[in-house]
Protein backbone atom coordinates (compact mmCIF):
# COMPACT_ATOMS: atom_id res chain seq x y z
CA UNK A 1 107.73 182.77 66.93
CA UNK A 2 108.77 180.97 70.12
CA UNK A 3 106.23 182.95 72.10
CA UNK A 4 103.39 181.97 69.59
CA UNK A 5 104.41 178.37 69.94
CA UNK A 6 104.29 178.66 73.68
CA UNK A 7 100.77 180.19 73.56
CA UNK A 8 99.54 177.42 71.23
CA UNK A 9 101.16 174.69 73.66
CA UNK A 10 99.45 176.31 76.53
CA UNK A 11 96.14 176.48 74.83
CA UNK A 12 96.50 172.90 73.68
CA UNK A 13 97.17 171.84 77.22
CA UNK A 14 94.30 173.75 78.67
CA UNK A 15 91.92 172.22 76.05
CA UNK A 16 93.20 168.77 76.95
CA UNK A 17 92.58 169.50 80.69
CA UNK A 18 89.13 170.65 79.98
CA UNK A 19 88.21 167.68 77.80
CA UNK A 20 89.73 165.32 80.43
CA UNK A 21 87.34 166.84 82.98
CA UNK A 22 84.32 167.42 80.81
CA UNK A 23 83.33 163.70 80.47
CA UNK A 24 81.31 161.50 82.76
CA UNK A 25 81.47 157.77 83.09
CA UNK A 26 78.48 156.11 84.69
CA UNK A 27 78.42 152.36 85.86
CA UNK A 28 74.80 151.35 86.48
CA UNK A 29 72.89 148.09 87.07
CA UNK A 30 69.76 148.10 84.98
CA UNK A 31 70.25 146.31 81.72
CA UNK A 32 66.63 146.75 80.86
CA UNK A 33 67.05 150.48 80.42
CA UNK A 34 70.51 150.48 78.94
CA UNK A 35 69.32 151.87 75.50
CA UNK A 36 67.10 154.57 77.19
CA UNK A 37 69.99 155.61 79.50
CA UNK A 38 72.43 155.85 76.58
CA UNK A 39 69.85 157.80 74.66
CA UNK A 40 69.59 160.22 77.56
CA UNK A 41 73.42 160.50 77.76
CA UNK A 42 73.39 161.57 74.20
CA UNK A 43 70.79 164.22 74.84
CA UNK A 44 72.74 165.50 77.75
CA UNK A 45 75.87 165.82 75.66
CA UNK A 46 73.74 167.74 72.91
CA UNK A 47 72.46 170.13 75.64
CA UNK A 48 75.74 170.63 77.57
CA UNK A 49 78.57 169.50 75.41
CA UNK A 50 79.60 167.00 78.10
CA UNK A 51 80.13 163.33 76.85
CA UNK A 52 78.60 160.79 79.02
CA UNK A 53 79.51 157.03 78.73
CA UNK A 54 77.22 154.34 80.29
CA UNK A 55 78.58 150.99 81.41
CA UNK A 56 75.98 148.34 82.48
CA UNK A 57 76.24 145.31 84.72
CA UNK A 58 73.31 143.33 86.11
CA UNK A 59 70.63 141.04 84.68
CA UNK A 60 72.52 137.93 83.84
CA UNK A 61 75.94 139.59 84.56
CA UNK A 62 76.92 140.49 88.08
CA UNK A 63 76.92 144.33 88.56
CA UNK A 64 79.41 144.23 91.42
CA UNK A 65 81.84 142.37 89.38
CA UNK A 66 81.51 144.91 86.57
CA UNK A 67 81.89 147.89 88.93
CA UNK A 68 84.92 146.34 90.58
CA UNK A 69 86.57 145.87 87.26
CA UNK A 70 85.87 149.44 86.33
CA UNK A 71 87.34 150.70 89.64
CA UNK A 72 90.53 148.93 88.68
CA UNK A 73 90.68 149.93 84.98
CA UNK A 74 92.51 153.14 85.37
CA UNK A 75 89.44 155.21 84.57
CA UNK A 76 87.17 154.97 87.55
CA UNK A 77 83.55 155.93 87.05
CA UNK A 78 82.26 159.24 88.17
CA UNK A 79 78.91 158.05 89.00
CA UNK A 80 78.07 154.44 90.13
CA UNK A 81 75.31 152.63 91.88
CA UNK A 82 74.97 151.40 95.47
CA UNK A 83 72.30 149.16 96.66
CA UNK A 84 72.31 149.53 100.37
CA UNK A 85 74.41 149.32 103.49
CA UNK A 86 76.70 146.49 102.28
CA UNK A 87 77.59 148.17 99.11
CA UNK A 88 77.93 151.59 100.83
CA UNK A 89 80.44 150.07 103.40
CA UNK A 90 82.38 148.53 100.43
CA UNK A 91 82.73 151.91 98.58
CA UNK A 92 82.32 154.47 101.37
CA UNK A 93 85.99 155.83 101.01
CA UNK A 94 85.11 156.85 97.43
CA UNK A 95 81.65 158.20 97.83
CA UNK A 96 81.29 162.05 97.83
CA UNK A 97 78.88 164.06 99.87
CA UNK A 98 76.00 165.56 97.92
CA UNK A 99 74.25 167.45 100.80
CA UNK A 100 72.85 170.68 99.63
CA UNK A 101 72.62 169.58 95.94
CA UNK A 102 69.67 170.95 93.97
CA UNK A 103 68.11 167.56 93.71
CA UNK A 104 68.00 167.00 97.45
CA UNK A 105 65.22 169.58 97.64
CA UNK A 106 62.69 167.40 95.89
CA UNK A 107 63.05 163.99 97.57
CA UNK A 108 62.75 162.27 100.98
CA UNK A 109 64.61 159.17 99.52
CA UNK A 110 68.20 160.16 99.42
CA UNK A 111 70.73 157.74 100.81
CA UNK A 112 71.55 159.29 104.09
CA UNK A 113 74.69 158.73 106.24
CA UNK A 114 75.30 160.68 109.43
CA UNK A 115 72.84 163.33 108.24
CA UNK A 116 74.63 163.72 104.97
CA UNK A 117 72.94 162.95 101.52
CA UNK A 118 75.29 160.79 99.63
CA UNK A 119 72.97 158.97 97.23
CA UNK A 120 70.63 160.00 94.56
CA UNK A 121 67.68 157.74 94.47
CA UNK A 122 67.39 156.14 91.02
CA UNK A 123 63.69 155.32 91.27
CA UNK A 124 60.94 153.81 93.45
CA UNK A 125 60.64 150.23 92.61
CA UNK A 126 58.35 147.41 93.71
CA UNK A 127 57.60 143.77 93.21
CA UNK A 128 55.21 141.15 93.90
CA UNK A 129 53.93 138.33 91.83
CA UNK A 130 52.82 139.83 88.56
CA UNK A 131 49.70 138.25 87.02
CA UNK A 132 47.91 137.89 83.73
CA UNK A 133 44.39 138.91 84.62
CA UNK A 134 42.83 137.41 81.41
CA UNK A 135 44.15 134.00 82.48
CA UNK A 136 43.04 134.30 86.15
CA UNK A 137 39.59 135.48 84.83
CA UNK A 138 39.30 132.34 82.64
CA UNK A 139 40.18 130.23 85.57
CA UNK A 140 37.82 131.91 87.90
CA UNK A 141 40.48 133.32 90.21
CA UNK A 142 40.10 136.67 91.81
CA UNK A 143 43.58 138.16 92.35
CA UNK A 144 42.20 140.18 95.45
CA UNK A 145 41.98 136.87 97.29
CA UNK A 146 45.50 135.86 96.96
CA UNK A 147 46.67 137.21 100.29
CA UNK A 148 47.71 133.85 102.12
CA UNK A 149 49.75 130.83 101.30
CA UNK A 150 46.60 128.55 101.12
CA UNK A 151 44.98 130.83 98.49
CA UNK A 152 48.06 130.58 96.48
CA UNK A 153 48.43 126.88 96.76
CA UNK A 154 44.83 126.36 95.66
CA UNK A 155 45.11 128.91 92.71
CA UNK A 156 48.38 127.30 91.46
CA UNK A 157 46.86 123.89 91.61
CA UNK A 158 43.76 124.97 89.75
CA UNK A 159 45.88 126.78 87.14
CA UNK A 160 48.20 123.67 86.63
CA UNK A 161 45.26 121.40 86.09
CA UNK A 162 44.01 123.87 83.30
CA UNK A 163 47.41 124.46 81.55
CA UNK A 164 46.43 122.90 78.28
CA UNK A 165 43.10 124.61 78.19
CA UNK A 166 44.71 127.98 79.09
CA UNK A 167 47.62 127.61 76.77
CA UNK A 168 50.21 127.75 79.63
CA UNK A 169 53.59 126.10 79.78
CA UNK A 170 54.03 126.95 83.43
CA UNK A 171 51.98 128.53 86.32
CA UNK A 172 54.86 130.86 87.46
CA UNK A 173 57.67 132.15 85.36
CA UNK A 174 60.48 131.96 87.79
CA UNK A 175 64.38 131.79 87.58
CA UNK A 176 66.95 130.53 90.05
CA UNK A 177 70.12 129.58 87.96
CA UNK A 178 73.60 130.26 89.09
CA UNK A 179 75.12 129.91 85.55
CA UNK A 180 72.53 132.46 84.19
CA UNK A 181 73.37 134.93 86.96
CA UNK A 182 69.83 135.07 88.20
CA UNK A 183 70.40 134.37 91.95
CA UNK A 184 69.60 137.95 92.74
CA UNK A 185 65.98 137.10 92.13
CA UNK A 186 66.02 134.33 94.68
CA UNK A 187 68.80 135.14 97.24
CA UNK A 188 67.96 138.92 97.36
CA UNK A 189 64.48 139.72 96.22
CA UNK A 190 62.73 136.46 97.24
CA UNK A 191 64.56 136.31 100.44
CA UNK A 192 63.29 139.83 101.19
CA UNK A 193 59.81 138.32 101.23
CA UNK A 194 60.90 136.44 104.60
CA UNK A 195 62.53 139.48 105.91
CA UNK A 196 59.71 142.06 105.65
CA UNK A 197 56.32 140.83 104.33
CA UNK A 198 53.60 141.54 107.01
CA UNK A 199 55.87 143.91 108.91
CA UNK A 200 55.63 147.64 109.44
CA UNK A 201 57.95 149.60 107.30
CA UNK A 202 61.33 150.09 108.97
CA UNK A 203 60.74 147.09 111.28
CA UNK A 204 64.02 145.32 111.24
CA UNK A 205 63.14 142.34 113.46
CA UNK A 206 64.01 139.64 111.01
CA UNK A 207 66.97 141.16 109.32
CA UNK A 208 68.54 141.91 112.70
CA UNK A 209 67.97 138.22 113.63
CA UNK A 210 69.49 137.08 110.28
CA UNK A 211 72.50 139.27 110.90
CA UNK A 212 72.92 137.48 114.30
CA UNK A 213 72.79 134.11 112.55
CA UNK A 214 69.23 133.37 113.56
CA UNK A 215 65.63 132.96 112.09
CA UNK A 216 62.06 132.98 113.39
CA UNK A 217 61.52 129.30 113.20
CA UNK A 218 57.83 129.14 112.46
CA UNK A 219 57.99 132.17 109.89
CA UNK A 220 61.02 130.69 108.11
CA UNK A 221 59.32 127.34 107.94
CA UNK A 222 56.33 128.87 106.25
CA UNK A 223 58.70 130.91 103.94
CA UNK A 224 60.52 127.75 102.76
CA UNK A 225 57.23 126.05 102.05
CA UNK A 226 56.28 129.11 99.76
CA UNK A 227 59.62 128.94 97.79
CA UNK A 228 58.94 125.21 97.22
CA UNK A 229 55.39 125.99 96.09
CA UNK A 230 56.61 128.53 93.56
CA UNK A 231 59.26 126.24 92.24
CA UNK A 232 56.88 123.27 91.93
CA UNK A 233 54.62 125.33 89.73
CA UNK A 234 57.41 126.76 87.52
CA UNK A 235 59.08 125.02 84.73
CA UNK A 236 62.32 123.08 85.63
CA UNK A 237 64.19 124.31 82.56
CA UNK A 238 63.10 127.93 83.24
CA UNK A 239 64.25 127.71 86.78
CA UNK A 240 67.74 126.47 86.01
CA UNK A 241 68.45 127.92 82.56
CA UNK A 242 66.05 130.89 82.34
CA UNK A 243 67.56 134.35 81.75
CA UNK A 244 65.86 137.69 82.50
CA UNK A 245 64.82 137.88 78.83
CA UNK A 246 63.39 134.22 78.59
CA UNK A 247 61.70 134.51 81.88
CA UNK A 248 59.86 137.70 80.66
CA UNK A 249 59.12 136.37 77.32
CA UNK A 250 57.16 133.32 78.88
CA UNK A 251 54.85 135.79 80.67
CA UNK A 252 54.49 138.35 78.02
CA UNK A 253 53.54 135.83 75.49
CA UNK A 254 50.80 134.26 77.77
CA UNK A 255 52.76 131.08 78.62
CA UNK A 256 52.82 131.72 82.35
CA UNK A 257 50.07 133.08 84.57
CA UNK A 258 52.47 134.82 87.09
CA UNK A 259 55.83 136.36 86.80
CA UNK A 260 58.29 136.94 89.62
CA UNK A 261 60.03 140.21 88.76
CA UNK A 262 59.74 144.01 89.62
CA UNK A 263 58.57 147.05 87.78
CA UNK A 264 62.09 147.59 86.48
CA UNK A 265 61.11 145.16 83.79
CA UNK A 266 58.50 147.56 82.47
CA UNK A 267 60.45 148.88 79.37
CA UNK A 268 61.17 145.37 78.22
CA UNK A 269 57.70 144.27 78.90
CA UNK A 270 56.10 147.07 76.97
CA UNK A 271 58.31 146.32 73.99
CA UNK A 272 56.87 142.78 73.81
CA UNK A 273 53.40 144.36 73.62
CA UNK A 274 51.36 141.92 75.74
CA UNK A 275 47.73 141.99 74.93
CA UNK A 276 46.30 141.42 78.56
CA UNK A 277 45.88 143.43 81.80
CA UNK A 278 48.78 143.07 84.23
CA UNK A 279 49.11 143.88 87.95
CA UNK A 280 50.74 142.74 91.07
CA UNK A 281 49.57 140.42 93.79
CA UNK A 282 51.30 140.09 97.11
CA UNK A 283 53.99 137.61 97.93
CA UNK A 284 51.71 136.18 100.69
CA UNK A 285 53.79 133.29 101.99
CA UNK A 286 52.01 133.08 105.54
CA UNK A 287 48.88 131.33 106.50
CA UNK A 288 47.62 134.53 107.89
CA UNK A 289 46.64 137.36 105.45
CA UNK A 290 49.19 139.71 104.20
CA UNK A 291 48.02 142.34 101.68
CA UNK A 292 50.92 144.36 100.23
CA UNK A 293 53.87 144.38 97.82
CA UNK A 294 57.49 145.19 98.37
CA UNK A 295 58.29 148.88 97.46
CA UNK A 296 61.41 150.94 98.13
CA UNK A 297 64.07 153.05 96.45
CA UNK A 298 66.56 150.08 96.00
CA UNK A 299 69.42 151.70 94.52
CA UNK A 300 71.16 155.17 94.52
CA UNK A 301 73.60 156.91 92.27
CA UNK A 302 76.74 158.22 94.13
CA UNK A 303 79.50 160.36 93.04
CA UNK A 304 83.15 159.22 93.02
CA UNK A 305 85.15 161.52 95.35
CA UNK A 306 88.09 160.79 92.90
CA UNK A 307 86.07 161.52 89.77
CA UNK A 308 84.82 164.39 88.01
CA UNK A 309 82.59 165.50 90.80
CA UNK A 310 81.24 168.90 89.43
CA UNK A 311 80.22 167.35 86.10
CA UNK A 312 78.66 164.36 87.78
CA UNK A 313 76.59 166.58 90.14
CA UNK A 314 75.35 168.72 87.27
CA UNK A 315 74.34 165.64 85.40
CA UNK A 316 72.30 164.36 88.51
CA UNK A 317 70.63 167.79 88.91
CA UNK A 318 69.65 167.89 85.32
CA UNK A 319 68.17 164.45 85.58
CA UNK A 320 66.05 165.22 88.68
CA UNK A 321 65.04 168.84 87.73
CA UNK A 322 64.70 169.20 84.04
CA UNK A 323 61.65 168.25 81.78
CA UNK A 324 63.97 166.05 79.73
CA UNK A 325 64.96 164.25 82.95
CA UNK A 326 61.29 163.67 83.90
CA UNK A 327 60.54 162.46 80.42
CA UNK A 328 63.36 159.97 80.45
CA UNK A 329 62.40 158.71 83.98
CA UNK A 330 58.71 158.20 83.43
CA UNK A 331 58.01 157.82 79.71
CA UNK A 332 61.38 156.34 78.34
CA UNK A 333 62.54 154.21 81.35
CA UNK A 334 59.04 153.55 82.76
CA UNK A 335 60.27 154.40 86.25
CA UNK A 336 58.38 155.67 89.34
CA UNK A 337 60.40 158.76 90.14
CA UNK A 338 61.45 159.58 93.71
CA UNK A 339 61.16 163.25 93.22
CA UNK A 340 58.19 165.46 94.09
CA UNK A 341 58.71 167.98 91.32
CA UNK A 342 58.09 165.19 88.72
CA UNK A 343 54.43 165.21 87.96
CA UNK A 344 54.30 162.82 85.14
CA UNK A 345 52.85 159.40 86.06
CA UNK A 346 53.98 156.04 84.50
CA UNK A 347 51.44 154.16 82.10
CA UNK A 348 53.56 151.02 81.98
CA UNK A 349 51.56 148.14 83.80
CA UNK A 350 54.00 147.08 86.51
CA UNK A 351 54.91 150.78 87.54
CA UNK A 352 51.30 151.71 87.44
CA UNK A 353 50.53 148.84 89.87
CA UNK A 354 53.32 149.81 92.11
CA UNK A 355 51.92 153.29 92.36
CA UNK A 356 48.52 151.94 93.18
CA UNK A 357 49.68 149.71 95.99
CA UNK A 358 51.88 152.57 97.30
CA UNK A 359 48.96 155.05 97.22
CA UNK A 360 46.96 152.57 99.15
CA UNK A 361 49.60 152.40 101.80
CA UNK A 362 50.02 148.72 101.27
CA UNK A 363 53.81 148.28 100.90
CA UNK A 364 56.65 146.46 102.74
CA UNK A 365 60.32 147.41 102.96
CA UNK A 366 63.30 146.19 101.17
CA UNK A 367 65.97 145.05 103.63
CA UNK A 368 67.93 142.39 101.46
CA UNK A 369 70.68 144.84 100.83
CA UNK A 370 71.60 144.75 104.50
CA UNK A 371 72.90 141.28 104.04
CA UNK A 372 76.79 140.76 104.01
CA UNK A 373 78.26 141.37 100.45
CA UNK A 374 77.68 138.36 98.35
CA UNK A 375 75.79 136.40 100.73
CA UNK A 376 72.33 136.63 99.16
CA UNK A 377 73.37 135.98 95.55
CA UNK A 378 76.38 133.78 96.26
CA UNK A 379 75.70 131.61 99.41
CA UNK A 380 71.86 131.55 99.46
CA UNK A 381 71.56 131.62 95.66
CA UNK A 382 73.27 128.12 95.42
CA UNK A 383 70.87 126.73 97.89
CA UNK A 384 67.84 127.95 96.09
CA UNK A 385 69.24 126.27 92.91
CA UNK A 386 69.74 123.00 94.58
CA UNK A 387 66.07 123.10 95.55
CA UNK A 388 64.98 124.19 91.96
CA UNK A 389 67.14 121.41 90.52
CA UNK A 390 65.49 118.68 92.66
CA UNK A 391 68.84 117.94 94.26
CA UNK A 392 67.31 118.63 97.76
CA UNK A 393 63.89 118.46 99.15
CA UNK A 394 62.21 121.41 101.06
CA UNK A 395 63.17 120.09 104.49
CA UNK A 396 66.91 119.95 103.40
CA UNK A 397 66.42 123.40 101.85
CA UNK A 398 65.32 124.80 105.15
CA UNK A 399 68.10 123.14 107.17
CA UNK A 400 70.70 124.36 104.56
CA UNK A 401 69.33 127.79 104.60
CA UNK A 402 69.38 127.98 108.43
CA UNK A 403 72.86 126.70 108.44
CA UNK A 404 74.17 129.27 106.06
CA UNK A 405 72.49 132.12 107.92
CA UNK A 406 74.01 130.79 111.10
CA UNK A 407 77.34 131.12 109.50
CA UNK A 408 76.95 134.97 109.37
CA UNK A 409 77.49 135.18 113.11
CA UNK A 410 80.64 133.01 113.08
């Protein structure tokens, strides 16, 4: 009897150990695909028996705050997202090497450190100024001409004068609020316009200067004028109080001609069923012509060295190499996959436009995630909000931005 009890206890302990290992916790940063990712997690559990829990931060909540809380919760995530060098540096002691993993055979976009593959590319993403082609057609504006600051200034002014006729509440649906958590749109994504537009990919001239506390005076002046132009033709309440959802709704419902967001918003956009053609125009902030949008793998799944590494790696391999993974990435999450073995192509409008710009070779890099941790959203984001509120003019905005950047080197 004692022997039987001992066997039962041993089996129970073994089962407990297995169940403790056979689960995966993922912390991810894309609120717009939370439900799709949770559905894929359920599918994965059905296929493998391994439960997957998805925890999301981002959008109007700060992903990094959510991640740090989970790291201190007593149950660290097995998979989490890094967004570039600053977040890699923050978590590098926890990040496992994935070199030689099956998924690495099918991509050139892995996050590499010292020749090692440490990050699985979530997707290829891109952004410019999305436009409602029907509205531009009615106003007699050819989006192909929107390749300079002057072209945008003229187009915005014309659309603003026709708002009543076109049924618009604003020309550009843009957000800049700190309380709504949208400073990633300004202090990261919009600031990257200054860093890379017009440059060859991998040209680090302007981010290198910024990290030394400097800017290119003429280029930065033109950039600040462009920010002021976008804010002028947005809606004051949207700028300060708009959320990711309300910003999208204004565009999808035909109340804004332009929309400052990336193709990661496709699942939410498609759900609103807009009845007009949508594509991207460049963030052309210079007086000289720049014809391209900003495209890159912006984030990577990494595996926690302290977590369930084998289970986590199996999940990522399944995501990259299975038919179910391809269907999730392209059809369910409306992503542009970073893997050559995935032959499906997205039909959602923003991702379709990203692919077209990418195929034409007209893309600029993403370098905003090389900024010091918290600098873009925190330090710069507050200055953008001051301009959006009317608390400062564009000249003061330029001075304050340069002062903040100078502080990096101190």
